[in-house]
C-alpha atoms as a PDB file:
ATOM      1  CA  MET A   1       0.000   0.000   0.000  1.00  0.00           C
ATOM      2  CA  ALA A   2       1.131   3.518  -0.727  1.00  0.00           C
ATOM      3  CA  TYR A   3       2.094   5.909   2.035  1.00  0.00           C
ATOM      4  CA  LYS A   4      -0.402   8.497   3.253  1.00  0.00           C
ATOM      5  CA  ILE A   5       0.249  11.737   5.130  1.00  0.00           C
ATOM      6  CA  SER A   6      -1.706  12.244   8.348  1.00  0.00           C
ATOM      7  CA  ASP A   7      -3.112  15.454   9.790  1.00  0.00           C
ATOM      8  CA  GLU A   8       0.080  15.734  11.863  1.00  0.00           C
ATOM      9  CA  CYS A   9       1.677  17.284   8.730  1.00  0.00           C
ATOM     10  CA  ILE A  10       3.175  20.731   9.362  1.00  0.00           C
ATOM     11  CA  ALA A  11       3.604  21.443   5.621  1.00  0.00           C
ATOM     12  CA  CYS A  12       7.385  21.838   5.847  1.00  0.00           C
ATOM     13  CA  GLY A  13       8.051  20.112   2.511  1.00  0.00           C
ATOM     14  CA  ALA A  14      10.733  17.721   3.775  1.00  0.00           C
ATOM     15  CA  CYS A  15       8.805  14.720   2.478  1.00  0.00           C
ATOM     16  CA  ALA A  16       8.403  16.181  -1.012  1.00  0.00           C
ATOM     17  CA  GLU A  17      12.118  16.954  -1.209  1.00  0.00           C
ATOM     18  CA  ALA A  18      12.989  13.399  -0.124  1.00  0.00           C
ATOM     19  CA  CYS A  19      10.637  11.627  -2.550  1.00  0.00           C
ATOM     20  CA  PRO A  20      12.702  10.065  -5.376  1.00  0.00           C
ATOM     21  CA  VAL A  21       9.732   9.889  -7.769  1.00  0.00           C
ATOM     22  CA  SER A  22       8.145  13.300  -7.004  1.00  0.00           C
ATOM     23  CA  ALA A  23       4.898  11.678  -5.839  1.00  0.00           C
ATOM     24  CA  ILE A  24       4.302  14.289  -3.113  1.00  0.00           C
ATOM     25  CA  LYS A  25       2.712  17.670  -3.756  1.00  0.00           C
ATOM     26  CA  GLU A  26       1.507  20.494  -1.528  1.00  0.00           C
ATOM     27  CA  GLY A  27      -2.225  20.325  -0.825  1.00  0.00           C
ATOM     28  CA  GLU A  28      -4.555  22.910   0.688  1.00  0.00           C
ATOM     29  CA  THR A  29      -3.708  22.187   4.332  1.00  0.00           C
ATOM     30  CA  LYS A  30      -1.012  19.494   4.149  1.00  0.00           C
ATOM     31  CA  TYR A  31       1.166  17.645   1.678  1.00  0.00           C
ATOM     32  CA  GLU A  32      -0.411  14.768  -0.242  1.00  0.00           C
ATOM     33  CA  ILE A  33       1.013  11.595  -1.780  1.00  0.00           C
ATOM     34  CA  ASN A  34      -0.172  10.407  -5.190  1.00  0.00           C
ATOM     35  CA  ALA A  35      -0.810   6.702  -4.493  1.00  0.00           C
ATOM     36  CA  ASP A  36      -0.402   5.808  -8.169  1.00  0.00           C
ATOM     37  CA  GLU A  37       3.136   7.246  -8.217  1.00  0.00           C
ATOM     38  CA  CYS A  38       4.292   6.163  -4.730  1.00  0.00           C
ATOM     39  CA  ILE A  39       6.898   3.371  -4.810  1.00  0.00           C
ATOM     40  CA  GLU A  40       6.605   2.709  -1.055  1.00  0.00           C
ATOM     41  CA  CYS A  41      10.300   3.397  -0.391  1.00  0.00           C
ATOM     42  CA  GLY A  42       9.744   5.179   2.939  1.00  0.00           C
ATOM     43  CA  ALA A  43      12.015   8.128   2.162  1.00  0.00           C
ATOM     44  CA  CYS A  44       9.220  10.543   3.073  1.00  0.00           C
ATOM     45  CA  ALA A  45       8.684   8.937   6.474  1.00  0.00           C
ATOM     46  CA  GLU A  46      12.407   9.092   7.245  1.00  0.00           C
ATOM     47  CA  ALA A  47      12.611  12.783   6.280  1.00  0.00           C
ATOM     48  CA  CYS A  48       9.511  13.964   8.136  1.00  0.00           C
ATOM     49  CA  PRO A  49      10.196  15.691  11.481  1.00  0.00           C
ATOM     50  CA  VAL A  50       6.712  14.869  12.846  1.00  0.00           C
ATOM     51  CA  ALA A  51       6.249  11.320  11.448  1.00  0.00           C
ATOM     52  CA  ALA A  52       3.222  12.307   9.360  1.00  0.00           C
ATOM     53  CA  PRO A  53       3.762   9.907   6.413  1.00  0.00           C
ATOM     54  CA  ALA A  54       2.925   6.258   7.146  1.00  0.00           C
ATOM     55  CA  ALA A  55       2.156   3.131   5.151  1.00  0.00           C
ATOM     56  CA  GLU A  56      -1.530   2.393   4.922  1.00  0.00           C
END
């Protein structure tokens, strides 16, 4: 399953910068992961300072 970003997101952009396939974009209130592009590598979860991205 693709990763999903929880409401804990502080919109810092660390996850988007870490994503090797550019599957993460800024949403209205938090960053969002395109499930069709996510390769489930976990780079976003490692980069996030508040542990917002998690595997579903």
